[in-house]
Amino acid sequence: MEIKPRFIQRNCIEGNEIDPRQANAILKYKPDIIVFEMPQGKNGPNTIFNIYPCNKKPIEKFNHIIKDLEISAKKYPYAASDILVWRNIKKMWNQGINTQIYNVDAPKAMRSRCFKFKKPYPSIRKDWLFWIYLYSREVVITKNIRALLENYHIKKDPTILIFLQSIHWNNVKFLLANPSKEEIWKHYFGNFKNIKPTKEIENQIKDRNKILNYYWKKVQIFY
């Protein structure tokens, strides 16, 4: 069955207060799927919650997530936004809406070991290496979203809430449209005349971040 999903994206401000937009979107749209900007698990983007029907969800796992978020919120107030999100997910299950949960981000090791830029945002966008990082990460996100869409067979027109930040979602939407490798290069790197889609770029990346070069070589399609 070829599905025609309805994508709805919401940001969350990672600041010093609660941002309820994602939590409110759950109550408004009653999604079939929620895509989190969280690192994929050992077995891919799927989560344990998707295995069970609404009345048999592993509540101990749910409670563990809430407890961890409550601890995080003491240091990072925006983490309380996710507490609202998860409580509203539980409301969906209680209503018999079997909202599926997926974590589609690249592995934590990649994000933590590659993202070592000292420039503040948004000036970091002027650094070509930042776009190498974005591309390498977002290829993985795109692959995971494609996988979940291919394996979803419940509804033909699922409503999917995308909880990726817009900087990622805009690029992932582009990649999901199956652009050519020339179009991808222009999209990500067209503003940087000092790098070319040849193997030489690996030396340029390696000079600045050897770990990022490792991941780049795994996902690049340009040469």
N, C-alpha and C. Protein backbone atom coordinates (compact mmCIF):
# COMPACT_ATOMS: atom_id res chain seq x y z
N MET A 1 0.84 -1.20 0.00
CA MET A 1 0.00 0.00 0.00
C MET A 1 0.87 1.25 0.00
N GLU A 2 0.70 2.09 -0.99
CA GLU A 2 1.43 3.35 -1.05
C GLU A 2 0.69 4.40 -0.22
N ILE A 3 1.35 4.93 0.78
CA ILE A 3 0.68 5.88 1.65
C ILE A 3 0.94 7.31 1.20
N LYS A 4 0.01 8.18 1.56
CA LYS A 4 0.13 9.60 1.26
C LYS A 4 0.05 10.37 2.57
N PRO A 5 1.18 10.48 3.25
CA PRO A 5 1.17 11.06 4.60
C PRO A 5 0.91 12.57 4.59
N ARG A 6 0.34 13.02 5.67
CA ARG A 6 0.17 14.46 5.92
C ARG A 6 1.19 14.84 6.97
N PHE A 7 2.19 15.61 6.56
CA PHE A 7 3.25 16.02 7.47
C PHE A 7 2.91 17.36 8.12
N ILE A 8 3.09 17.43 9.44
CA ILE A 8 2.91 18.69 10.18
C ILE A 8 4.12 18.85 11.08
N GLN A 9 4.87 19.93 10.88
CA GLN A 9 6.12 20.13 11.63
C GLN A 9 5.94 21.21 12.69
N ARG A 10 6.54 20.97 13.86
CA ARG A 10 6.55 21.96 14.93
C ARG A 10 7.94 22.02 15.55
N ASN A 11 8.42 23.24 15.78
CA ASN A 11 9.67 23.46 16.48
C ASN A 11 9.47 23.39 17.99
N CYS A 12 10.58 23.39 18.70
CA CYS A 12 10.57 23.58 20.15
C CYS A 12 11.76 24.46 20.50
N ILE A 13 11.50 25.59 21.11
CA ILE A 13 12.58 26.49 21.50
C ILE A 13 13.32 25.91 22.70
N GLU A 14 14.62 25.73 22.56
CA GLU A 14 15.43 25.17 23.64
C GLU A 14 15.95 26.33 24.49
N GLY A 15 15.05 26.88 25.29
CA GLY A 15 15.38 28.04 26.09
C GLY A 15 15.07 27.83 27.56
N ASN A 16 14.76 28.91 28.24
CA ASN A 16 14.57 28.87 29.70
C ASN A 16 13.12 28.82 30.12
N GLU A 17 12.25 28.39 29.21
CA GLU A 17 10.84 28.26 29.56
C GLU A 17 10.21 27.14 28.74
N ILE A 18 9.01 26.75 29.11
CA ILE A 18 8.31 25.68 28.42
C ILE A 18 7.75 26.20 27.10
N ASP A 19 7.92 25.40 26.06
CA ASP A 19 7.34 25.69 24.74
C ASP A 19 6.28 24.62 24.47
N PRO A 20 4.99 24.96 24.52
CA PRO A 20 3.93 23.95 24.44
C PRO A 20 3.48 23.61 23.02
N ARG A 21 4.13 24.16 22.00
CA ARG A 21 3.61 24.00 20.63
C ARG A 21 3.53 22.54 20.19
N GLN A 22 4.55 21.77 20.48
CA GLN A 22 4.52 20.37 20.07
C GLN A 22 3.45 19.60 20.84
N ALA A 23 3.36 19.84 22.14
CA ALA A 23 2.35 19.16 22.95
C ALA A 23 0.94 19.53 22.48
N ASN A 24 0.72 20.79 22.18
CA ASN A 24 -0.60 21.23 21.72
C ASN A 24 -0.96 20.62 20.37
N ALA A 25 0.05 20.44 19.51
CA ALA A 25 -0.20 19.85 18.19
C ALA A 25 -0.71 18.42 18.31
N ILE A 26 -0.28 17.70 19.33
CA ILE A 26 -0.75 16.33 19.52
C ILE A 26 -2.25 16.31 19.79
N LEU A 27 -2.72 17.18 20.68
CA LEU A 27 -4.15 17.23 20.99
C LEU A 27 -4.96 17.73 19.80
N LYS A 28 -4.39 18.63 19.02
CA LYS A 28 -5.12 19.21 17.88
C LYS A 28 -5.24 18.23 16.72
N TYR A 29 -4.14 17.55 16.38
CA TYR A 29 -4.12 16.73 15.16
C TYR A 29 -4.28 15.24 15.41
N LYS A 30 -4.15 14.80 16.66
CA LYS A 30 -4.30 13.39 17.01
C LYS A 30 -3.51 12.50 16.03
N PRO A 31 -2.19 12.61 16.05
CA PRO A 31 -1.35 12.00 15.00
C PRO A 31 -1.32 10.49 15.04
N ASP A 32 -1.13 9.90 13.86
CA ASP A 32 -0.89 8.47 13.75
C ASP A 32 0.57 8.15 14.07
N ILE A 33 1.46 9.08 13.75
CA ILE A 33 2.90 8.89 13.96
C ILE A 33 3.49 10.19 14.48
N ILE A 34 4.44 10.07 15.41
CA ILE A 34 5.25 11.21 15.84
C ILE A 34 6.70 10.88 15.56
N VAL A 35 7.38 11.79 14.88
CA VAL A 35 8.80 11.63 14.56
C VAL A 35 9.60 12.57 15.46
N PHE A 36 10.40 11.99 16.34
CA PHE A 36 11.20 12.76 17.28
C PHE A 36 12.61 12.99 16.74
N GLU A 37 13.17 14.16 17.05
CA GLU A 37 14.58 14.44 16.79
C GLU A 37 15.38 13.88 17.96
N MET A 38 15.39 12.57 18.01
CA MET A 38 16.12 11.84 19.04
C MET A 38 16.96 10.78 18.35
N PRO A 39 18.10 10.39 18.94
CA PRO A 39 18.94 9.39 18.29
C PRO A 39 18.23 8.06 18.17
N GLN A 40 18.41 7.42 17.04
CA GLN A 40 17.81 6.11 16.83
C GLN A 40 18.38 5.11 17.82
N GLY A 41 17.60 4.09 18.11
CA GLY A 41 18.06 3.04 19.01
C GLY A 41 18.94 2.03 18.31
N LYS A 42 19.31 1.00 19.02
CA LYS A 42 20.20 -0.02 18.47
C LYS A 42 19.56 -0.75 17.29
N ASN A 43 18.23 -0.82 17.30
CA ASN A 43 17.53 -1.53 16.24
C ASN A 43 16.86 -0.59 15.25
N GLY A 44 17.39 0.63 15.13
CA GLY A 44 16.83 1.57 14.18
C GLY A 44 15.87 2.55 14.81
N PRO A 45 15.06 3.22 14.01
CA PRO A 45 14.20 4.30 14.52
C PRO A 45 12.96 3.82 15.27
N ASN A 46 12.61 2.56 15.14
CA ASN A 46 11.42 2.05 15.82
C ASN A 46 11.60 2.10 17.34
N THR A 47 10.48 2.14 18.08
CA THR A 47 10.55 2.15 19.54
C THR A 47 9.66 1.05 20.11
N ILE A 48 9.90 0.73 21.35
CA ILE A 48 9.17 -0.35 22.01
C ILE A 48 7.67 -0.06 22.09
N PHE A 49 7.29 1.21 22.09
CA PHE A 49 5.88 1.56 22.23
C PHE A 49 5.05 1.11 21.04
N ASN A 50 5.68 0.95 19.89
CA ASN A 50 4.94 0.60 18.67
C ASN A 50 4.56 -0.86 18.61
N ILE A 51 5.12 -1.66 19.49
CA ILE A 51 4.86 -3.11 19.47
C ILE A 51 3.50 -3.43 20.06
N TYR A 52 3.03 -2.59 20.98
CA TYR A 52 1.86 -2.92 21.80
C TYR A 52 0.63 -2.13 21.40
N PRO A 53 -0.56 -2.70 21.63
CA PRO A 53 -1.80 -1.93 21.45
C PRO A 53 -1.93 -0.88 22.53
N CYS A 54 -2.91 0.00 22.37
CA CYS A 54 -3.05 1.15 23.28
C CYS A 54 -3.16 0.74 24.74
N ASN A 55 -3.87 -0.33 25.02
CA ASN A 55 -4.13 -0.71 26.41
C ASN A 55 -3.03 -1.55 27.03
N LYS A 56 -1.94 -1.77 26.28
CA LYS A 56 -0.86 -2.58 26.81
C LYS A 56 0.51 -1.94 26.62
N LYS A 57 0.52 -0.63 26.51
CA LYS A 57 1.80 0.07 26.36
C LYS A 57 2.66 -0.14 27.60
N PRO A 58 3.99 -0.22 27.45
CA PRO A 58 4.88 -0.41 28.60
C PRO A 58 4.97 0.87 29.44
N ILE A 59 4.05 1.00 30.37
CA ILE A 59 3.94 2.23 31.16
C ILE A 59 5.19 2.45 32.01
N GLU A 60 5.86 1.38 32.41
CA GLU A 60 7.09 1.56 33.20
C GLU A 60 8.14 2.30 32.37
N LYS A 61 8.18 2.02 31.07
CA LYS A 61 9.10 2.74 30.18
C LYS A 61 8.67 4.20 30.06
N PHE A 62 7.38 4.42 29.93
CA PHE A 62 6.84 5.78 29.87
C PHE A 62 7.21 6.56 31.14
N ASN A 63 7.00 5.94 32.29
CA ASN A 63 7.30 6.61 33.57
C ASN A 63 8.79 6.92 33.70
N HIS A 64 9.62 6.04 33.17
CA HIS A 64 11.07 6.26 33.21
C HIS A 64 11.45 7.49 32.38
N ILE A 65 10.82 7.63 31.21
CA ILE A 65 11.07 8.80 30.36
C ILE A 65 10.66 10.08 31.09
N ILE A 66 9.50 10.07 31.71
CA ILE A 66 9.02 11.25 32.45
C ILE A 66 9.98 11.60 33.57
N LYS A 67 10.43 10.59 34.31
CA LYS A 67 11.34 10.83 35.43
C LYS A 67 12.64 11.45 34.96
N ASP A 68 13.20 10.94 33.86
CA ASP A 68 14.45 11.48 33.32
C ASP A 68 14.26 12.93 32.86
N LEU A 69 13.12 13.21 32.25
CA LEU A 69 12.85 14.57 31.79
C LEU A 69 12.68 15.53 32.97
N GLU A 70 12.07 15.07 34.04
CA GLU A 70 11.92 15.91 35.23
C GLU A 70 13.28 16.28 35.82
N ILE A 71 14.20 15.33 35.78
CA ILE A 71 15.56 15.61 36.27
C ILE A 71 16.25 16.60 35.33
N SER A 72 16.12 16.40 34.03
CA SER A 72 16.75 17.30 33.06
C SER A 72 16.18 18.71 33.15
N ALA A 73 14.88 18.80 33.42
CA ALA A 73 14.22 20.11 33.45
C ALA A 73 14.74 21.00 34.57
N LYS A 74 15.34 20.42 35.59
CA LYS A 74 15.90 21.23 36.67
C LYS A 74 17.10 22.05 36.17
N LYS A 75 17.79 21.51 35.16
CA LYS A 75 18.94 22.21 34.60
C LYS A 75 18.59 22.89 33.28
N TYR A 76 17.73 22.23 32.49
CA TYR A 76 17.32 22.76 31.18
C TYR A 76 15.80 22.88 31.17
N PRO A 77 15.26 24.05 31.49
CA PRO A 77 13.80 24.21 31.64
C PRO A 77 12.99 23.76 30.43
N TYR A 78 13.56 23.86 29.22
CA TYR A 78 12.79 23.48 28.04
C TYR A 78 12.48 21.98 28.02
N ALA A 79 13.21 21.17 28.80
CA ALA A 79 12.93 19.73 28.84
C ALA A 79 11.52 19.46 29.37
N ALA A 80 10.97 20.41 30.13
CA ALA A 80 9.60 20.26 30.61
C ALA A 80 8.61 20.27 29.45
N SER A 81 9.00 20.84 28.32
CA SER A 81 8.15 20.81 27.13
C SER A 81 7.91 19.38 26.70
N ASP A 82 8.94 18.54 26.80
CA ASP A 82 8.80 17.14 26.41
C ASP A 82 7.94 16.35 27.39
N ILE A 83 7.91 16.79 28.65
CA ILE A 83 7.01 16.15 29.60
C ILE A 83 5.56 16.33 29.15
N LEU A 84 5.22 17.54 28.71
CA LEU A 84 3.87 17.78 28.19
C LEU A 84 3.60 16.93 26.95
N VAL A 85 4.61 16.82 26.09
CA VAL A 85 4.47 16.01 24.88
C VAL A 85 4.13 14.57 25.22
N TRP A 86 4.90 13.98 26.11
CA TRP A 86 4.69 12.57 26.44
C TRP A 86 3.36 12.34 27.17
N ARG A 87 2.97 13.27 28.00
CA ARG A 87 1.68 13.12 28.69
C ARG A 87 0.52 13.21 27.69
N ASN A 88 0.68 14.01 26.65
CA ASN A 88 -0.36 14.09 25.64
C ASN A 88 -0.35 12.85 24.73
N ILE A 89 0.82 12.27 24.53
CA ILE A 89 0.87 10.99 23.82
C ILE A 89 0.08 9.94 24.60
N LYS A 90 0.27 9.92 25.90
CA LYS A 90 -0.46 8.96 26.73
C LYS A 90 -1.96 9.22 26.65
N LYS A 91 -2.36 10.48 26.52
CA LYS A 91 -3.78 10.78 26.35
C LYS A 91 -4.31 10.17 25.05
N MET A 92 -3.50 10.19 23.99
CA MET A 92 -3.91 9.57 22.73
C MET A 92 -4.14 8.07 22.93
N TRP A 93 -3.20 7.42 23.61
CA TRP A 93 -3.36 5.98 23.84
C TRP A 93 -4.60 5.70 24.67
N ASN A 94 -4.86 6.54 25.67
CA ASN A 94 -6.04 6.34 26.52
C ASN A 94 -7.33 6.51 25.74
N GLN A 95 -7.28 7.28 24.64
CA GLN A 95 -8.45 7.48 23.78
C GLN A 95 -8.56 6.40 22.71
N GLY A 96 -7.63 5.45 22.71
CA GLY A 96 -7.65 4.39 21.71
C GLY A 96 -6.96 4.76 20.42
N ILE A 97 -6.21 5.87 20.40
CA ILE A 97 -5.46 6.30 19.22
C ILE A 97 -4.03 5.79 19.37
N ASN A 98 -3.66 4.82 18.55
CA ASN A 98 -2.38 4.14 18.72
C ASN A 98 -1.26 4.91 18.03
N THR A 99 -0.96 6.10 18.55
CA THR A 99 0.10 6.94 18.01
C THR A 99 1.44 6.22 18.07
N GLN A 100 2.09 6.11 16.92
CA GLN A 100 3.38 5.44 16.82
C GLN A 100 4.50 6.44 17.09
N ILE A 101 5.58 5.97 17.71
CA ILE A 101 6.70 6.83 18.10
C ILE A 101 7.97 6.35 17.41
N TYR A 102 8.67 7.28 16.75
CA TYR A 102 9.93 6.96 16.09
C TYR A 102 11.00 8.00 16.45
N ASN A 103 12.23 7.51 16.67
CA ASN A 103 13.39 8.37 16.89
C ASN A 103 14.28 8.25 15.66
N VAL A 104 14.45 9.34 14.91
CA VAL A 104 15.06 9.22 13.59
C VAL A 104 16.42 9.90 13.44
N ASP A 105 16.93 10.48 14.49
CA ASP A 105 18.19 11.22 14.36
C ASP A 105 19.36 10.26 14.18
N ALA A 106 20.48 10.83 13.78
CA ALA A 106 21.72 10.06 13.66
C ALA A 106 22.17 9.59 15.04
N PRO A 107 23.03 8.59 15.10
CA PRO A 107 23.49 8.08 16.40
C PRO A 107 24.10 9.19 17.26
N LYS A 108 23.93 9.05 18.56
CA LYS A 108 24.43 10.04 19.50
C LYS A 108 25.93 10.24 19.36
N ALA A 109 26.66 9.15 19.09
CA ALA A 109 28.11 9.25 18.96
C ALA A 109 28.50 10.19 17.82
N MET A 110 27.75 10.14 16.73
CA MET A 110 28.07 11.02 15.61
C MET A 110 27.83 12.47 15.99
N ARG A 111 26.69 12.75 16.58
CA ARG A 111 26.33 14.14 16.88
C ARG A 111 27.26 14.74 17.94
N SER A 112 27.57 13.97 18.95
CA SER A 112 28.39 14.51 20.04
C SER A 112 29.86 14.63 19.67
N ARG A 113 30.34 13.76 18.80
CA ARG A 113 31.77 13.74 18.48
C ARG A 113 32.10 14.59 17.26
N CYS A 114 31.09 14.91 16.45
CA CYS A 114 31.34 15.70 15.24
C CYS A 114 31.03 17.18 15.43
N PHE A 115 30.08 17.49 16.29
CA PHE A 115 29.66 18.87 16.43
C PHE A 115 30.56 19.58 17.44
N LYS A 116 31.65 20.14 16.94
CA LYS A 116 32.63 20.81 17.80
C LYS A 116 32.94 22.20 17.27
N PHE A 117 31.93 22.85 16.71
CA PHE A 117 32.13 24.17 16.15
C PHE A 117 32.09 25.22 17.26
N LYS A 118 33.03 26.14 17.22
CA LYS A 118 33.15 27.15 18.26
C LYS A 118 32.40 28.43 17.92
N LYS A 119 31.95 28.55 16.68
CA LYS A 119 31.25 29.76 16.27
C LYS A 119 29.80 29.73 16.76
N PRO A 120 29.24 30.88 17.13
CA PRO A 120 27.84 30.92 17.55
C PRO A 120 26.90 30.80 16.36
N TYR A 121 25.69 30.38 16.63
CA TYR A 121 24.66 30.36 15.60
C TYR A 121 24.02 31.74 15.54
N PRO A 122 23.72 32.35 14.37
CA PRO A 122 23.70 31.74 13.04
C PRO A 122 24.97 31.91 12.22
N SER A 123 26.01 32.54 12.77
CA SER A 123 27.22 32.75 11.97
C SER A 123 27.87 31.43 11.56
N ILE A 124 27.58 30.38 12.31
CA ILE A 124 28.14 29.07 11.98
C ILE A 124 27.68 28.60 10.61
N ARG A 125 26.54 29.11 10.12
CA ARG A 125 26.02 28.72 8.81
C ARG A 125 26.96 29.14 7.68
N LYS A 126 27.88 30.05 7.97
CA LYS A 126 28.82 30.51 6.95
C LYS A 126 30.04 29.60 6.85
N ASP A 127 30.08 28.59 7.70
CA ASP A 127 31.21 27.65 7.73
C ASP A 127 30.82 26.41 6.91
N TRP A 128 31.59 26.11 5.86
CA TRP A 128 31.25 24.97 5.00
C TRP A 128 31.25 23.65 5.76
N LEU A 129 32.09 23.55 6.80
CA LEU A 129 32.14 22.29 7.54
C LEU A 129 30.83 22.02 8.28
N PHE A 130 30.15 23.08 8.70
CA PHE A 130 28.85 22.92 9.35
C PHE A 130 27.87 22.26 8.39
N TRP A 131 27.93 22.61 7.12
CA TRP A 131 27.03 22.02 6.13
C TRP A 131 27.42 20.58 5.80
N ILE A 132 28.68 20.26 5.91
CA ILE A 132 29.11 18.86 5.80
C ILE A 132 28.47 18.06 6.93
N TYR A 133 28.51 18.64 8.12
CA TYR A 133 27.89 17.99 9.28
C TYR A 133 26.39 17.83 9.09
N LEU A 134 25.71 18.91 8.65
CA LEU A 134 24.26 18.83 8.43
C LEU A 134 23.92 17.76 7.42
N TYR A 135 24.63 17.77 6.30
CA TYR A 135 24.34 16.78 5.26
C TYR A 135 24.52 15.36 5.80
N SER A 136 25.62 15.10 6.48
CA SER A 136 25.91 13.76 6.98
C SER A 136 24.84 13.30 7.97
N ARG A 137 24.40 14.21 8.79
CA ARG A 137 23.37 13.88 9.78
C ARG A 137 22.00 13.71 9.12
N GLU A 138 21.66 14.59 8.21
CA GLU A 138 20.32 14.59 7.63
C GLU A 138 20.10 13.47 6.62
N VAL A 139 21.17 12.97 6.03
CA VAL A 139 21.04 11.77 5.21
C VAL A 139 20.55 10.60 6.06
N VAL A 140 21.06 10.47 7.27
CA VAL A 140 20.63 9.41 8.18
C VAL A 140 19.17 9.62 8.58
N ILE A 141 18.81 10.85 8.92
CA ILE A 141 17.42 11.14 9.29
C ILE A 141 16.47 10.79 8.14
N THR A 142 16.84 11.18 6.93
CA THR A 142 16.01 10.90 5.76
C THR A 142 15.85 9.40 5.55
N LYS A 143 16.94 8.67 5.68
CA LYS A 143 16.89 7.22 5.53
C LYS A 143 15.94 6.60 6.55
N ASN A 144 15.98 7.09 7.77
CA ASN A 144 15.11 6.54 8.82
C ASN A 144 13.64 6.87 8.56
N ILE A 145 13.36 8.06 8.09
CA ILE A 145 11.97 8.42 7.79
C ILE A 145 11.46 7.59 6.62
N ARG A 146 12.28 7.40 5.60
CA ARG A 146 11.88 6.54 4.48
C ARG A 146 11.56 5.14 4.96
N ALA A 147 12.38 4.61 5.86
CA ALA A 147 12.17 3.26 6.37
C ALA A 147 10.85 3.14 7.11
N LEU A 148 10.54 4.12 7.95
CA LEU A 148 9.29 4.02 8.71
C LEU A 148 8.08 4.15 7.79
N LEU A 149 8.19 4.97 6.75
CA LEU A 149 7.08 5.10 5.80
C LEU A 149 6.88 3.81 5.01
N GLU A 150 7.96 3.17 4.65
CA GLU A 150 7.87 1.92 3.90
C GLU A 150 7.27 0.79 4.73
N ASN A 151 7.47 0.85 6.04
CA ASN A 151 7.02 -0.23 6.92
C ASN A 151 5.69 0.08 7.61
N TYR A 152 5.10 1.22 7.30
CA TYR A 152 3.82 1.59 7.90
C TYR A 152 2.68 1.12 6.99
N HIS A 153 1.78 0.29 7.53
CA HIS A 153 0.72 -0.29 6.72
C HIS A 153 -0.66 -0.18 7.38
N ILE A 154 -0.81 0.74 8.31
CA ILE A 154 -2.07 0.83 9.05
C ILE A 154 -3.10 1.70 8.34
N LYS A 155 -2.68 2.88 7.90
CA LYS A 155 -3.60 3.81 7.22
C LYS A 155 -2.96 4.31 5.93
N LYS A 156 -3.79 4.64 4.95
CA LYS A 156 -3.29 5.13 3.68
C LYS A 156 -2.88 6.59 3.77
N ASP A 157 -3.50 7.33 4.66
CA ASP A 157 -3.24 8.77 4.76
C ASP A 157 -2.91 9.18 6.19
N PRO A 158 -1.83 8.64 6.78
CA PRO A 158 -1.52 8.94 8.18
C PRO A 158 -1.14 10.40 8.39
N THR A 159 -1.53 10.92 9.54
CA THR A 159 -1.08 12.24 9.97
C THR A 159 0.21 12.05 10.77
N ILE A 160 1.26 12.71 10.33
CA ILE A 160 2.58 12.54 10.94
C ILE A 160 3.06 13.87 11.49
N LEU A 161 3.24 13.93 12.79
CA LEU A 161 3.82 15.11 13.42
C LEU A 161 5.33 14.98 13.38
N ILE A 162 5.97 16.00 12.82
CA ILE A 162 7.42 16.03 12.71
C ILE A 162 7.97 16.97 13.78
N PHE A 163 8.68 16.40 14.73
CA PHE A 163 9.28 17.21 15.80
C PHE A 163 10.78 17.40 15.58
N LEU A 164 11.17 17.50 14.30
CA LEU A 164 12.51 17.96 13.96
C LEU A 164 12.51 19.48 13.95
N GLN A 165 13.61 20.09 14.36
CA GLN A 165 13.72 21.54 14.22
C GLN A 165 13.68 21.89 12.72
N SER A 166 13.17 23.07 12.42
CA SER A 166 12.93 23.44 11.02
C SER A 166 14.20 23.43 10.19
N ILE A 167 15.36 23.74 10.78
CA ILE A 167 16.61 23.72 10.01
C ILE A 167 16.85 22.33 9.43
N HIS A 168 16.48 21.29 10.17
CA HIS A 168 16.63 19.93 9.68
C HIS A 168 15.47 19.52 8.77
N TRP A 169 14.26 19.85 9.16
CA TRP A 169 13.10 19.40 8.40
C TRP A 169 13.09 19.98 6.99
N ASN A 170 13.48 21.23 6.84
CA ASN A 170 13.51 21.82 5.50
C ASN A 170 14.47 21.07 4.58
N ASN A 171 15.61 20.67 5.13
CA ASN A 171 16.57 19.91 4.33
C ASN A 171 16.10 18.47 4.09
N VAL A 172 15.51 17.86 5.11
CA VAL A 172 15.03 16.49 4.97
C VAL A 172 13.89 16.42 3.95
N LYS A 173 12.99 17.38 3.96
CA LYS A 173 11.93 17.43 2.94
C LYS A 173 12.54 17.46 1.54
N PHE A 174 13.59 18.25 1.41
CA PHE A 174 14.29 18.33 0.13
C PHE A 174 14.85 16.97 -0.27
N LEU A 175 15.50 16.28 0.65
CA LEU A 175 16.09 14.98 0.35
C LEU A 175 15.02 13.93 0.07
N LEU A 176 13.89 14.01 0.74
CA LEU A 176 12.80 13.06 0.52
C LEU A 176 12.22 13.17 -0.88
N ALA A 177 12.41 14.31 -1.53
CA ALA A 177 11.90 14.53 -2.89
C ALA A 177 12.79 13.90 -3.96
N ASN A 178 13.83 13.17 -3.55
CA ASN A 178 14.73 12.46 -4.47
C ASN A 178 15.42 13.38 -5.47
N PRO A 179 16.09 14.42 -5.01
CA PRO A 179 16.83 15.28 -5.92
C PRO A 179 18.06 14.56 -6.48
N SER A 180 18.60 15.07 -7.58
CA SER A 180 19.83 14.51 -8.14
C SER A 180 21.01 14.88 -7.25
N LYS A 181 22.13 14.20 -7.45
CA LYS A 181 23.30 14.51 -6.65
C LYS A 181 23.81 15.92 -6.94
N GLU A 182 23.61 16.39 -8.18
CA GLU A 182 23.99 17.77 -8.51
C GLU A 182 23.12 18.77 -7.76
N GLU A 183 21.83 18.47 -7.67
CA GLU A 183 20.91 19.35 -6.94
C GLU A 183 21.22 19.34 -5.45
N ILE A 184 21.60 18.19 -4.92
CA ILE A 184 21.94 18.10 -3.49
C ILE A 184 23.20 18.92 -3.21
N TRP A 185 24.20 18.78 -4.06
CA TRP A 185 25.43 19.54 -3.84
C TRP A 185 25.14 21.04 -3.84
N LYS A 186 24.36 21.49 -4.79
CA LYS A 186 24.04 22.91 -4.88
C LYS A 186 23.26 23.37 -3.65
N HIS A 187 22.33 22.54 -3.19
CA HIS A 187 21.49 22.89 -2.03
C HIS A 187 22.33 23.08 -0.77
N TYR A 188 23.25 22.15 -0.53
CA TYR A 188 24.04 22.19 0.69
C TYR A 188 25.30 23.04 0.57
N PHE A 189 25.96 22.96 -0.57
CA PHE A 189 27.32 23.50 -0.67
C PHE A 189 27.51 24.52 -1.78
N GLY A 190 26.41 24.94 -2.42
CA GLY A 190 26.51 25.85 -3.55
C GLY A 190 27.12 27.20 -3.22
N ASN A 191 27.07 27.61 -1.95
CA ASN A 191 27.62 28.91 -1.56
C ASN A 191 29.11 28.87 -1.26
N PHE A 192 29.71 27.67 -1.33
CA PHE A 192 31.11 27.53 -0.92
C PHE A 192 31.95 27.13 -2.13
N LYS A 193 32.64 28.11 -2.70
CA LYS A 193 33.42 27.87 -3.90
C LYS A 193 34.76 27.19 -3.62
N ASN A 194 35.13 27.11 -2.35
CA ASN A 194 36.43 26.52 -1.99
C ASN A 194 36.37 25.01 -1.83
N ILE A 195 35.20 24.41 -1.98
CA ILE A 195 35.09 22.96 -1.93
C ILE A 195 34.42 22.45 -3.21
N LYS A 196 34.84 21.28 -3.65
CA LYS A 196 34.34 20.70 -4.88
C LYS A 196 33.89 19.25 -4.62
N PRO A 197 32.96 18.75 -5.45
CA PRO A 197 32.47 17.37 -5.26
C PRO A 197 33.45 16.34 -5.81
N THR A 198 34.65 16.34 -5.25
CA THR A 198 35.67 15.37 -5.62
C THR A 198 36.26 14.77 -4.34
N LYS A 199 37.04 13.73 -4.50
CA LYS A 199 37.61 13.05 -3.33
C LYS A 199 38.54 13.95 -2.53
N GLU A 200 39.03 15.01 -3.15
CA GLU A 200 39.91 15.95 -2.46
C GLU A 200 39.24 16.55 -1.23
N ILE A 201 37.91 16.62 -1.24
CA ILE A 201 37.21 17.23 -0.11
C ILE A 201 37.47 16.44 1.18
N GLU A 202 37.76 15.16 1.05
CA GLU A 202 38.02 14.36 2.25
C GLU A 202 39.24 14.88 3.00
N ASN A 203 40.26 15.31 2.27
CA ASN A 203 41.44 15.86 2.93
C ASN A 203 41.11 17.17 3.65
N GLN A 204 40.23 17.97 3.04
CA GLN A 204 39.83 19.24 3.66
C GLN A 204 39.03 19.00 4.93
N ILE A 205 38.13 18.02 4.88
CA ILE A 205 37.34 17.70 6.07
C ILE A 205 38.25 17.11 7.16
N LYS A 206 39.11 16.18 6.77
CA LYS A 206 39.98 15.49 7.73
C LYS A 206 40.90 16.46 8.45
N ASP A 207 41.33 17.50 7.76
CA ASP A 207 42.20 18.50 8.40
C ASP A 207 41.51 19.18 9.57
N ARG A 208 40.18 19.21 9.53
CA ARG A 208 39.44 19.92 10.58
C ARG A 208 38.72 18.99 11.55
N ASN A 209 38.28 17.81 11.06
CA ASN A 209 37.54 16.91 11.93
C ASN A 209 37.59 15.49 11.35
N LYS A 210 38.48 14.67 11.86
CA LYS A 210 38.67 13.32 11.33
C LYS A 210 37.43 12.45 11.53
N ILE A 211 36.74 12.63 12.64
CA ILE A 211 35.55 11.81 12.91
C ILE A 211 34.44 12.15 11.93
N LEU A 212 34.25 13.45 11.68
CA LEU A 212 33.24 13.85 10.71
C LEU A 212 33.58 13.30 9.32
N ASN A 213 34.85 13.27 8.98
CA ASN A 213 35.26 12.72 7.68
C ASN A 213 34.86 11.25 7.57
N TYR A 214 34.94 10.52 8.67
CA TYR A 214 34.54 9.11 8.68
C TYR A 214 33.07 8.97 8.30
N TYR A 215 32.22 9.79 8.91
CA TYR A 215 30.78 9.71 8.62
C TYR A 215 30.47 10.24 7.23
N TRP A 216 31.17 11.28 6.81
CA TRP A 216 30.97 11.82 5.47
C TRP A 216 31.20 10.74 4.41
N LYS A 217 32.27 9.99 4.55
CA LYS A 217 32.60 8.97 3.56
C LYS A 217 31.54 7.87 3.51
N LYS A 218 30.81 7.68 4.60
CA LYS A 218 29.78 6.64 4.63
C LYS A 218 28.51 7.06 3.89
N VAL A 219 28.26 8.37 3.77
CA VAL A 219 26.97 8.80 3.23
C VAL A 219 27.07 9.61 1.94
N GLN A 220 28.25 10.13 1.59
CA GLN A 220 28.35 11.00 0.42
C GLN A 220 28.08 10.20 -0.86
N ILE A 221 27.56 10.88 -1.89
CA ILE A 221 27.20 10.23 -3.16
C ILE A 221 27.81 10.96 -4.35
N PHE A 222 28.76 11.86 -4.12
CA PHE A 222 29.15 12.82 -5.14
C PHE A 222 30.31 12.39 -6.04
N TYR A 223 31.09 11.40 -5.63
CA TYR A 223 32.25 10.99 -6.44
C TYR A 223 32.53 9.51 -6.24
